[in-house]
C-alpha atoms as a PDB file:
ATOM      1  CA  MET A   1       0.000   0.000   0.000  1.00  0.00           C
ATOM      2  CA  PHE A   2       2.841   2.412   0.815  1.00  0.00           C
ATOM      3  CA  HIS A   3       4.515   1.477  -2.444  1.00  0.00           C
ATOM      4  CA  TYR A   4       1.293   2.061  -4.413  1.00  0.00           C
ATOM      5  CA  TYR A   5       0.840   5.634  -3.117  1.00  0.00           C
ATOM      6  CA  ASP A   6       4.518   6.312  -3.457  1.00  0.00           C
ATOM      7  CA  ASP A   7       4.661   5.081  -7.052  1.00  0.00           C
ATOM      8  CA  GLN A   8       1.248   6.422  -8.087  1.00  0.00           C
ATOM      9  CA  TYR A   9       1.086   9.807  -6.367  1.00  0.00           C
ATOM     10  CA  GLY A  10       4.539  10.415  -5.040  1.00  0.00           C
ATOM     11  CA  VAL A  11       3.167  10.476  -1.476  1.00  0.00           C
ATOM     12  CA  GLY A  12       4.734   8.297   1.128  1.00  0.00           C
ATOM     13  CA  PHE A  13       6.580   7.924   4.377  1.00  0.00           C
ATOM     14  CA  SER A  14      10.142   7.138   5.106  1.00  0.00           C
ATOM     15  CA  PRO A  15      10.783   3.481   6.043  1.00  0.00           C
ATOM     16  CA  LYS A  16      11.129   4.396   9.715  1.00  0.00           C
ATOM     17  CA  GLU A  17       7.827   6.374   9.572  1.00  0.00           C
ATOM     18  CA  GLN A  18       6.108   3.448   7.831  1.00  0.00           C
ATOM     19  CA  LYS A  19       6.992   1.081  10.696  1.00  0.00           C
ATOM     20  CA  ARG A  20       5.827   3.554  13.303  1.00  0.00           C
ATOM     21  CA  GLN A  21       2.473   4.219  11.506  1.00  0.00           C
ATOM     22  CA  MET A  22       1.817   0.494  11.053  1.00  0.00           C
ATOM     23  CA  ALA A  23       2.505  -0.094  14.716  1.00  0.00           C
ATOM     24  CA  MET A  24       0.178   2.689  15.845  1.00  0.00           C
ATOM     25  CA  LEU A  25      -2.623   2.334  13.328  1.00  0.00           C
ATOM     26  CA  GLY A  26      -4.301  -0.448  11.511  1.00  0.00           C
ATOM     27  CA  LYS A  27      -4.168  -1.126   7.814  1.00  0.00           C
ATOM     28  CA  GLY A  28      -7.410   0.849   7.044  1.00  0.00           C
ATOM     29  CA  GLU A  29      -6.374   3.809   9.079  1.00  0.00           C
ATOM     30  CA  VAL A  30      -3.055   3.958   7.233  1.00  0.00           C
ATOM     31  CA  GLY A  31      -5.033   4.225   3.960  1.00  0.00           C
ATOM     32  CA  VAL A  32      -7.003   7.144   5.374  1.00  0.00           C
ATOM     33  CA  LEU A  33      -3.754   8.745   6.529  1.00  0.00           C
ATOM     34  CA  LEU A  34      -2.213   8.274   3.095  1.00  0.00           C
ATOM     35  CA  ASN A  35      -5.342   9.742   1.478  1.00  0.00           C
ATOM     36  CA  ARG A  36      -5.131  12.704   3.837  1.00  0.00           C
ATOM     37  CA  LYS A  37      -1.448  13.138   3.056  1.00  0.00           C
ATOM     38  CA  LEU A  38      -2.290  12.894  -0.664  1.00  0.00           C
ATOM     39  CA  MET A  39      -4.989  15.558  -0.265  1.00  0.00           C
ATOM     40  CA  VAL A  40      -2.605  17.809   1.630  1.00  0.00           C
ATOM     41  CA  SER A  41       0.086  17.380  -1.004  1.00  0.00           C
ATOM     42  CA  MET A  42      -2.484  18.102  -3.728  1.00  0.00           C
ATOM     43  CA  GLN A  43      -3.612  21.186  -1.829  1.00  0.00           C
ATOM     44  CA  VAL A  44      -0.013  22.278  -1.434  1.00  0.00           C
ATOM     45  CA  ALA A  45       0.574  21.706  -5.160  1.00  0.00           C
ATOM     46  CA  ALA A  46      -2.620  23.655  -5.966  1.00  0.00           C
ATOM     47  CA  ALA A  47      -1.596  26.455  -3.616  1.00  0.00           C
ATOM     48  CA  ILE A  48       1.847  26.555  -5.240  1.00  0.00           C
ATOM     49  CA  THR A  49       0.233  26.676  -8.674  1.00  0.00           C
ATOM     50  CA  ILE A  50      -2.180  29.410  -7.575  1.00  0.00           C
ATOM     51  CA  GLN A  51       0.637  31.382  -5.979  1.00  0.00           C
ATOM     52  CA  ALA A  52       2.778  30.969  -9.086  1.00  0.00           C
ATOM     53  CA  MET A  53      -0.061  32.140 -11.291  1.00  0.00           C
ATOM     54  CA  TRP A  54      -0.754  35.053  -8.966  1.00  0.00           C
ATOM     55  CA  LYS A  55       2.922  36.018  -8.938  1.00  0.00           C
ATOM     56  CA  LYS A  56       3.009  35.670 -12.709  1.00  0.00           C
ATOM     57  CA  TYR A  57      -0.058  37.892 -13.022  1.00  0.00           C
ATOM     58  CA  LYS A  58       1.420  40.472 -10.637  1.00  0.00           C
ATOM     59  CA  TRP A  59       4.792  40.446 -12.411  1.00  0.00           C
ATOM     60  CA  HIS A  60       3.088  40.706 -15.799  1.00  0.00           C
ATOM     61  CA  SER A  61       0.867  43.616 -14.709  1.00  0.00           C
ATOM     62  CA  TRP A  62       3.916  45.285 -13.069  1.00  0.00           C
ATOM     63  CA  TYR A  63       5.863  44.785 -16.322  1.00  0.00           C
ATOM     64  CA  LYS A  64       2.966  46.193 -18.358  1.00  0.00           C
ATOM     65  CA  GLU A  65       2.794  49.191 -16.049  1.00  0.00           C
ATOM     66  CA  LEU A  66       6.553  49.645 -16.262  1.00  0.00           C
ATOM     67  CA  ARG A  67       6.470  49.324 -20.055  1.00  0.00           C
ATOM     68  CA  HIS A  68       3.587  51.807 -20.182  1.00  0.00           C
ATOM     69  CA  ARG A  69       5.554  54.224 -18.013  1.00  0.00           C
ATOM     70  CA  ARG A  70       8.656  53.715 -20.174  1.00  0.00           C
ATOM     71  CA  HIS A  71       6.649  54.401 -23.319  1.00  0.00           C
ATOM     72  CA  ASP A  72       5.098  57.471 -21.716  1.00  0.00           C
ATOM     73  CA  ALA A  73       8.532  58.684 -20.646  1.00  0.00           C
ATOM     74  CA  ALA A  74       9.918  58.022 -24.134  1.00  0.00           C
ATOM     75  CA  ARG A  75       6.988  59.842 -25.721  1.00  0.00           C
ATOM     76  CA  ARG A  76       7.461  62.749 -23.340  1.00  0.00           C
ATOM     77  CA  PHE A  77      11.189  62.831 -24.004  1.00  0.00           C
ATOM     78  CA  GLN A  78      10.619  62.667 -27.766  1.00  0.00           C
ATOM     79  CA  SER A  79       8.031  65.438 -27.518  1.00  0.00           C
ATOM     80  CA  LEU A  80      10.432  67.597 -25.531  1.00  0.00           C
ATOM     81  CA  TRP A  81      13.227  66.845 -27.991  1.00  0.00           C
ATOM     82  CA  ARG A  82      11.050  67.703 -30.980  1.00  0.00           C
ATOM     83  CA  ASN A  83       9.968  70.955 -29.343  1.00  0.00           C
ATOM     84  CA  TYR A  84      13.579  71.786 -28.457  1.00  0.00           C
ATOM     85  CA  ARG A  85      14.724  70.916 -31.964  1.00  0.00           C
ATOM     86  CA  PHE A  86      11.890  72.905 -33.495  1.00  0.00           C
ATOM     87  CA  ARG A  87      12.625  75.940 -31.342  1.00  0.00           C
ATOM     88  CA  ASN A  88      16.414  75.832 -31.197  1.00  0.00           C
ATOM     89  CA  ILE A  89      17.935  73.571 -33.809  1.00  0.00           C
ATOM     90  CA  LEU A  90      15.629  74.002 -36.803  1.00  0.00           C
ATOM     91  CA  PRO A  91      16.261  77.762 -37.071  1.00  0.00           C
ATOM     92  CA  ILE A  92      19.979  77.017 -37.087  1.00  0.00           C
ATOM     93  CA  ILE A  93      19.488  74.374 -39.767  1.00  0.00           C
ATOM     94  CA  ARG A  94      17.263  76.744 -41.759  1.00  0.00           C
ATOM     95  CA  ARG A  95      19.869  79.488 -41.419  1.00  0.00           C
ATOM     96  CA  ARG A  96      22.543  77.080 -42.618  1.00  0.00           C
ATOM     97  CA  GLN A  97      20.366  76.072 -45.561  1.00  0.00           C
ATOM     98  CA  GLN A  98      19.664  79.713 -46.379  1.00  0.00           C
ATOM     99  CA  ASN A  99      23.368  80.533 -46.086  1.00  0.00           C
ATOM    100  CA  ALA A 100      24.174  77.583 -48.314  1.00  0.00           C
ATOM    101  CA  ALA A 101      21.534  78.745 -50.804  1.00  0.00           C
ATOM    102  CA  ALA A 102      22.855  82.305 -50.620  1.00  0.00           C
ATOM    103  CA  GLY A 103      26.377  80.980 -51.118  1.00  0.00           C
ATOM    104  CA  LEU A 104      25.205  79.002 -54.126  1.00  0.00           C
ATOM    105  CA  ILE A 105      23.471  82.070 -55.572  1.00  0.00           C
ATOM    106  CA  GLN A 106      26.562  84.191 -54.903  1.00  0.00           C
ATOM    107  CA  LYS A 107      28.754  81.546 -56.516  1.00  0.00           C
ATOM    108  CA  HIS A 108      26.621  81.549 -59.647  1.00  0.00           C
ATOM    109  CA  LEU A 109      26.467  85.352 -59.710  1.00  0.00           C
ATOM    110  CA  ARG A 110      30.242  85.607 -59.334  1.00  0.00           C
ATOM    111  CA  GLY A 111      30.597  83.090 -62.128  1.00  0.00           C
ATOM    112  CA  LYS A 112      28.236  85.142 -64.287  1.00  0.00           C
ATOM    113  CA  VAL A 113      30.094  88.372 -63.496  1.00  0.00           C
ATOM    114  CA  VAL A 114      33.450  86.768 -64.272  1.00  0.00           C
ATOM    115  CA  SER A 115      31.973  85.252 -67.409  1.00  0.00           C
ATOM    116  CA  ASN A 116      30.667  88.668 -68.470  1.00  0.00           C
ATOM    117  CA  MET A 117      34.032  90.273 -67.709  1.00  0.00           C
ATOM    118  CA  PHE A 118      35.786  87.559 -69.661  1.00  0.00           C
ATOM    119  CA  TYR A 119      33.273  87.960 -72.490  1.00  0.00           C
ATOM    120  CA  VAL A 120      33.863  91.730 -72.560  1.00  0.00           C
ATOM    121  CA  GLN A 121      37.621  91.193 -72.547  1.00  0.00           C
ATOM    122  CA  LEU A 122      37.291  88.547 -75.231  1.00  0.00           C
ATOM    123  CA  LYS A 123      35.109  90.861 -77.274  1.00  0.00           C
ATOM    124  CA  LYS A 124      37.607  93.680 -76.805  1.00  0.00           C
ATOM    125  CA  CYS A 125      40.432  91.354 -77.738  1.00  0.00           C
ATOM    126  CA  LYS A 126      38.527  90.231 -80.813  1.00  0.00           C
ATOM    127  CA  LEU A 127      37.740  93.827 -81.665  1.00  0.00           C
ATOM    128  CA  ASP A 128      41.389  94.734 -81.168  1.00  0.00           C
ATOM    129  CA  SER A 129      42.494  91.872 -83.363  1.00  0.00           C
ATOM    130  CA  ASN A 130      39.764  92.745 -85.861  1.00  0.00           C
ATOM    131  CA  ASN A 131      40.816  96.391 -85.627  1.00  0.00           C
ATOM    132  CA  ARG A 132      44.401  95.322 -86.274  1.00  0.00           C
ATOM    133  CA  ASP A 133      43.213  93.283 -89.223  1.00  0.00           C
ATOM    134  CA  PHE A 134      41.019  96.143 -90.358  1.00  0.00           C
ATOM    135  CA  ALA A 135      43.869  98.600 -89.778  1.00  0.00           C
ATOM    136  CA  GLU A 136      46.093  96.492 -91.986  1.00  0.00           C
ATOM    137  CA  MET A 137      43.313  96.273 -94.573  1.00  0.00           C
ATOM    138  CA  ARG A 138      42.764 100.031 -94.253  1.00  0.00           C
ATOM    139  CA  LYS A 139      46.484 100.684 -94.757  1.00  0.00           C
ATOM    140  CA  LYS A 140      46.484  98.418 -97.794  1.00  0.00           C
ATOM    141  CA  LEU A 141      43.349 100.106 -99.139  1.00  0.00           C
ATOM    142  CA  ILE A 142      44.812 103.554 -98.503  1.00  0.00           C
ATOM    143  CA  LEU A 143      48.076 102.492-100.127  1.00  0.00           C
ATOM    144  CA  ASN A 144      46.172 101.030-103.058  1.00  0.00           C
ATOM    145  CA  ALA A 145      44.055 104.190-103.238  1.00  0.00           C
ATOM    146  CA  VAL A 146      47.156 106.369-103.092  1.00  0.00           C
ATOM    147  CA  ILE A 147      48.750 104.279-105.804  1.00  0.00           C
ATOM    148  CA  LYS A 148      45.554 104.433-107.831  1.00  0.00           C
ATOM    149  CA  ILE A 149      45.264 108.180-107.288  1.00  0.00           C
ATOM    150  CA  ILE A 150      48.904 108.698-108.244  1.00  0.00           C
ATOM    151  CA  TYR A 151      48.401 106.506-111.303  1.00  0.00           C
ATOM    152  CA  CYS A 152      45.242 108.337-112.256  1.00  0.00           C
ATOM    153  CA  TRP A 153      46.892 111.682-111.554  1.00  0.00           C
ATOM    154  CA  LYS A 154      49.851 110.791-113.680  1.00  0.00           C
ATOM    155  CA  ARG A 155      47.532 109.665-116.454  1.00  0.00           C
ATOM    156  CA  TYR A 156      45.523 112.835-116.040  1.00  0.00           C
ATOM    157  CA  VAL A 157      48.614 114.989-116.006  1.00  0.00           C
ATOM    158  CA  LYS A 158      49.982 113.055-118.953  1.00  0.00           C
ATOM    159  CA  ARG A 159      46.783 113.522-120.897  1.00  0.00           C
ATOM    160  CA  LYS A 160      46.525 117.130-119.873  1.00  0.00           C
ATOM    161  CA  GLY A 161      50.201 117.546-120.616  1.00  0.00           C
ATOM    162  CA  GLN A 162      49.795 115.911-124.001  1.00  0.00           C
ATOM    163  CA  ALA A 163      46.743 118.035-124.618  1.00  0.00           C
ATOM    164  CA  LYS A 164      48.682 121.155-123.611  1.00  0.00           C
ATOM    165  CA  ILE A 165      51.603 120.057-125.694  1.00  0.00           C
ATOM    166  CA  LYS A 166      49.222 119.398-128.521  1.00  0.00           C
ATOM    167  CA  GLU A 167      47.605 122.760-127.903  1.00  0.00           C
ATOM    168  CA  ARG A 168      51.012 124.421-127.814  1.00  0.00           C
ATOM    169  CA  TYR A 169      52.056 122.531-130.869  1.00  0.00           C
ATOM    170  CA  ASP A 170      48.828 123.477-132.576  1.00  0.00           C
ATOM    171  CA  ALA A 171      49.231 127.061-131.368  1.00  0.00           C
ATOM    172  CA  GLU A 172      52.791 127.126-132.651  1.00  0.00           C
ATOM    173  CA  GLN A 173      51.662 125.617-135.906  1.00  0.00           C
ATOM    174  CA  ARG A 174      49.000 128.237-136.256  1.00  0.00           C
ATOM    175  CA  LYS A 175      51.430 130.991-135.446  1.00  0.00           C
ATOM    176  CA  LYS A 176      53.855 129.540-137.962  1.00  0.00           C
ATOM    177  CA  ALA A 177      51.108 129.281-140.506  1.00  0.00           C
ATOM    178  CA  GLU A 178      50.064 132.814-139.782  1.00  0.00           C
ATOM    179  CA  ARG A 179      53.639 134.032-140.079  1.00  0.00           C
ATOM    180  CA  GLU A 180      53.998 132.211-143.285  1.00  0.00           C
ATOM    181  CA  LYS A 181      50.787 133.723-144.508  1.00  0.00           C
ATOM    182  CA  LYS A 182      51.990 137.060-143.433  1.00  0.00           C
ATOM    183  CA  THR A 183      55.336 136.551-145.111  1.00  0.00           C
ATOM    184  CA  LYS A 184      53.667 135.235-148.192  1.00  0.00           C
ATOM    185  CA  GLY A 185      51.122 137.955-148.134  1.00  0.00           C
ATOM    186  CA  SER A 186      53.619 140.675-147.543  1.00  0.00           C
ATOM    187  CA  GLY A 187      56.063 139.309-150.060  1.00  0.00           C
ATOM    188  CA  GLY A 188      53.489 138.995-152.730  1.00  0.00           C
ATOM    189  CA  GLY A 189      51.930 142.250-152.209  1.00  0.00           C
END
Protein backbone atom coordinates (compact mmCIF):
# COMPACT_ATOMS: atom_id res chain seq x y z
CA MET A 1 0.00 0.00 0.00
CA PHE A 2 2.84 2.41 0.82
CA HIS A 3 4.51 1.48 -2.44
CA TYR A 4 1.29 2.06 -4.41
CA TYR A 5 0.84 5.63 -3.12
CA ASP A 6 4.52 6.31 -3.46
CA ASP A 7 4.66 5.08 -7.05
CA GLN A 8 1.25 6.42 -8.09
CA TYR A 9 1.09 9.81 -6.37
CA GLY A 10 4.54 10.42 -5.04
CA VAL A 11 3.17 10.48 -1.48
CA GLY A 12 4.73 8.30 1.13
CA PHE A 13 6.58 7.92 4.38
CA SER A 14 10.14 7.14 5.11
CA PRO A 15 10.78 3.48 6.04
CA LYS A 16 11.13 4.40 9.71
CA GLU A 17 7.83 6.37 9.57
CA GLN A 18 6.11 3.45 7.83
CA LYS A 19 6.99 1.08 10.70
CA ARG A 20 5.83 3.55 13.30
CA GLN A 21 2.47 4.22 11.51
CA MET A 22 1.82 0.49 11.05
CA ALA A 23 2.51 -0.09 14.72
CA MET A 24 0.18 2.69 15.85
CA LEU A 25 -2.62 2.33 13.33
CA GLY A 26 -4.30 -0.45 11.51
CA LYS A 27 -4.17 -1.13 7.81
CA GLY A 28 -7.41 0.85 7.04
CA GLU A 29 -6.37 3.81 9.08
CA VAL A 30 -3.06 3.96 7.23
CA GLY A 31 -5.03 4.23 3.96
CA VAL A 32 -7.00 7.14 5.37
CA LEU A 33 -3.75 8.74 6.53
CA LEU A 34 -2.21 8.27 3.10
CA ASN A 35 -5.34 9.74 1.48
CA ARG A 36 -5.13 12.70 3.84
CA LYS A 37 -1.45 13.14 3.06
CA LEU A 38 -2.29 12.89 -0.66
CA MET A 39 -4.99 15.56 -0.26
CA VAL A 40 -2.60 17.81 1.63
CA SER A 41 0.09 17.38 -1.00
CA MET A 42 -2.48 18.10 -3.73
CA GLN A 43 -3.61 21.19 -1.83
CA VAL A 44 -0.01 22.28 -1.43
CA ALA A 45 0.57 21.71 -5.16
CA ALA A 46 -2.62 23.65 -5.97
CA ALA A 47 -1.60 26.45 -3.62
CA ILE A 48 1.85 26.56 -5.24
CA THR A 49 0.23 26.68 -8.67
CA ILE A 50 -2.18 29.41 -7.57
CA GLN A 51 0.64 31.38 -5.98
CA ALA A 52 2.78 30.97 -9.09
CA MET A 53 -0.06 32.14 -11.29
CA TRP A 54 -0.75 35.05 -8.97
CA LYS A 55 2.92 36.02 -8.94
CA LYS A 56 3.01 35.67 -12.71
CA TYR A 57 -0.06 37.89 -13.02
CA LYS A 58 1.42 40.47 -10.64
CA TRP A 59 4.79 40.45 -12.41
CA HIS A 60 3.09 40.71 -15.80
CA SER A 61 0.87 43.62 -14.71
CA TRP A 62 3.92 45.28 -13.07
CA TYR A 63 5.86 44.78 -16.32
CA LYS A 64 2.97 46.19 -18.36
CA GLU A 65 2.79 49.19 -16.05
CA LEU A 66 6.55 49.64 -16.26
CA ARG A 67 6.47 49.32 -20.05
CA HIS A 68 3.59 51.81 -20.18
CA ARG A 69 5.55 54.22 -18.01
CA ARG A 70 8.66 53.72 -20.17
CA HIS A 71 6.65 54.40 -23.32
CA ASP A 72 5.10 57.47 -21.72
CA ALA A 73 8.53 58.68 -20.65
CA ALA A 74 9.92 58.02 -24.13
CA ARG A 75 6.99 59.84 -25.72
CA ARG A 76 7.46 62.75 -23.34
CA PHE A 77 11.19 62.83 -24.00
CA GLN A 78 10.62 62.67 -27.77
CA SER A 79 8.03 65.44 -27.52
CA LEU A 80 10.43 67.60 -25.53
CA TRP A 81 13.23 66.85 -27.99
CA ARG A 82 11.05 67.70 -30.98
CA ASN A 83 9.97 70.95 -29.34
CA TYR A 84 13.58 71.79 -28.46
CA ARG A 85 14.72 70.92 -31.96
CA PHE A 86 11.89 72.90 -33.49
CA ARG A 87 12.62 75.94 -31.34
CA ASN A 88 16.41 75.83 -31.20
CA ILE A 89 17.94 73.57 -33.81
CA LEU A 90 15.63 74.00 -36.80
CA PRO A 91 16.26 77.76 -37.07
CA ILE A 92 19.98 77.02 -37.09
CA ILE A 93 19.49 74.37 -39.77
CA ARG A 94 17.26 76.74 -41.76
CA ARG A 95 19.87 79.49 -41.42
CA ARG A 96 22.54 77.08 -42.62
CA GLN A 97 20.37 76.07 -45.56
CA GLN A 98 19.66 79.71 -46.38
CA ASN A 99 23.37 80.53 -46.09
CA ALA A 100 24.17 77.58 -48.31
CA ALA A 101 21.53 78.75 -50.80
CA ALA A 102 22.86 82.30 -50.62
CA GLY A 103 26.38 80.98 -51.12
CA LEU A 104 25.20 79.00 -54.13
CA ILE A 105 23.47 82.07 -55.57
CA GLN A 106 26.56 84.19 -54.90
CA LYS A 107 28.75 81.55 -56.52
CA HIS A 108 26.62 81.55 -59.65
CA LEU A 109 26.47 85.35 -59.71
CA ARG A 110 30.24 85.61 -59.33
CA GLY A 111 30.60 83.09 -62.13
CA LYS A 112 28.24 85.14 -64.29
CA VAL A 113 30.09 88.37 -63.50
CA VAL A 114 33.45 86.77 -64.27
CA SER A 115 31.97 85.25 -67.41
CA ASN A 116 30.67 88.67 -68.47
CA MET A 117 34.03 90.27 -67.71
CA PHE A 118 35.79 87.56 -69.66
CA TYR A 119 33.27 87.96 -72.49
CA VAL A 120 33.86 91.73 -72.56
CA GLN A 121 37.62 91.19 -72.55
CA LEU A 122 37.29 88.55 -75.23
CA LYS A 123 35.11 90.86 -77.27
CA LYS A 124 37.61 93.68 -76.81
CA CYS A 125 40.43 91.35 -77.74
CA LYS A 126 38.53 90.23 -80.81
CA LEU A 127 37.74 93.83 -81.67
CA ASP A 128 41.39 94.73 -81.17
CA SER A 129 42.49 91.87 -83.36
CA ASN A 130 39.76 92.75 -85.86
CA ASN A 131 40.82 96.39 -85.63
CA ARG A 132 44.40 95.32 -86.27
CA ASP A 133 43.21 93.28 -89.22
CA PHE A 134 41.02 96.14 -90.36
CA ALA A 135 43.87 98.60 -89.78
CA GLU A 136 46.09 96.49 -91.99
CA MET A 137 43.31 96.27 -94.57
CA ARG A 138 42.76 100.03 -94.25
CA LYS A 139 46.48 100.68 -94.76
CA LYS A 140 46.48 98.42 -97.79
CA LEU A 141 43.35 100.11 -99.14
CA ILE A 142 44.81 103.55 -98.50
CA LEU A 143 48.08 102.49 -100.13
CA ASN A 144 46.17 101.03 -103.06
CA ALA A 145 44.05 104.19 -103.24
CA VAL A 146 47.16 106.37 -103.09
CA ILE A 147 48.75 104.28 -105.80
CA LYS A 148 45.55 104.43 -107.83
CA ILE A 149 45.26 108.18 -107.29
CA ILE A 150 48.90 108.70 -108.24
CA TYR A 151 48.40 106.51 -111.30
CA CYS A 152 45.24 108.34 -112.26
CA TRP A 153 46.89 111.68 -111.55
CA LYS A 154 49.85 110.79 -113.68
CA ARG A 155 47.53 109.66 -116.45
CA TYR A 156 45.52 112.84 -116.04
CA VAL A 157 48.61 114.99 -116.01
CA LYS A 158 49.98 113.05 -118.95
CA ARG A 159 46.78 113.52 -120.90
CA LYS A 160 46.52 117.13 -119.87
CA GLY A 161 50.20 117.55 -120.62
CA GLN A 162 49.80 115.91 -124.00
CA ALA A 163 46.74 118.03 -124.62
CA LYS A 164 48.68 121.16 -123.61
CA ILE A 165 51.60 120.06 -125.69
CA LYS A 166 49.22 119.40 -128.52
CA GLU A 167 47.61 122.76 -127.90
CA ARG A 168 51.01 124.42 -127.81
CA TYR A 169 52.06 122.53 -130.87
CA ASP A 170 48.83 123.48 -132.58
CA ALA A 171 49.23 127.06 -131.37
CA GLU A 172 52.79 127.13 -132.65
CA GLN A 173 51.66 125.62 -135.91
CA ARG A 174 49.00 128.24 -136.26
CA LYS A 175 51.43 130.99 -135.45
CA LYS A 176 53.85 129.54 -137.96
CA ALA A 177 51.11 129.28 -140.51
CA GLU A 178 50.06 132.81 -139.78
CA ARG A 179 53.64 134.03 -140.08
CA GLU A 180 54.00 132.21 -143.29
CA LYS A 181 50.79 133.72 -144.51
CA LYS A 182 51.99 137.06 -143.43
CA THR A 183 55.34 136.55 -145.11
CA LYS A 184 53.67 135.24 -148.19
CA GLY A 185 51.12 137.95 -148.13
CA SER A 186 53.62 140.67 -147.54
CA GLY A 187 56.06 139.31 -150.06
CA GLY A 188 53.49 139.00 -152.73
CA GLY A 189 51.93 142.25 -152.21
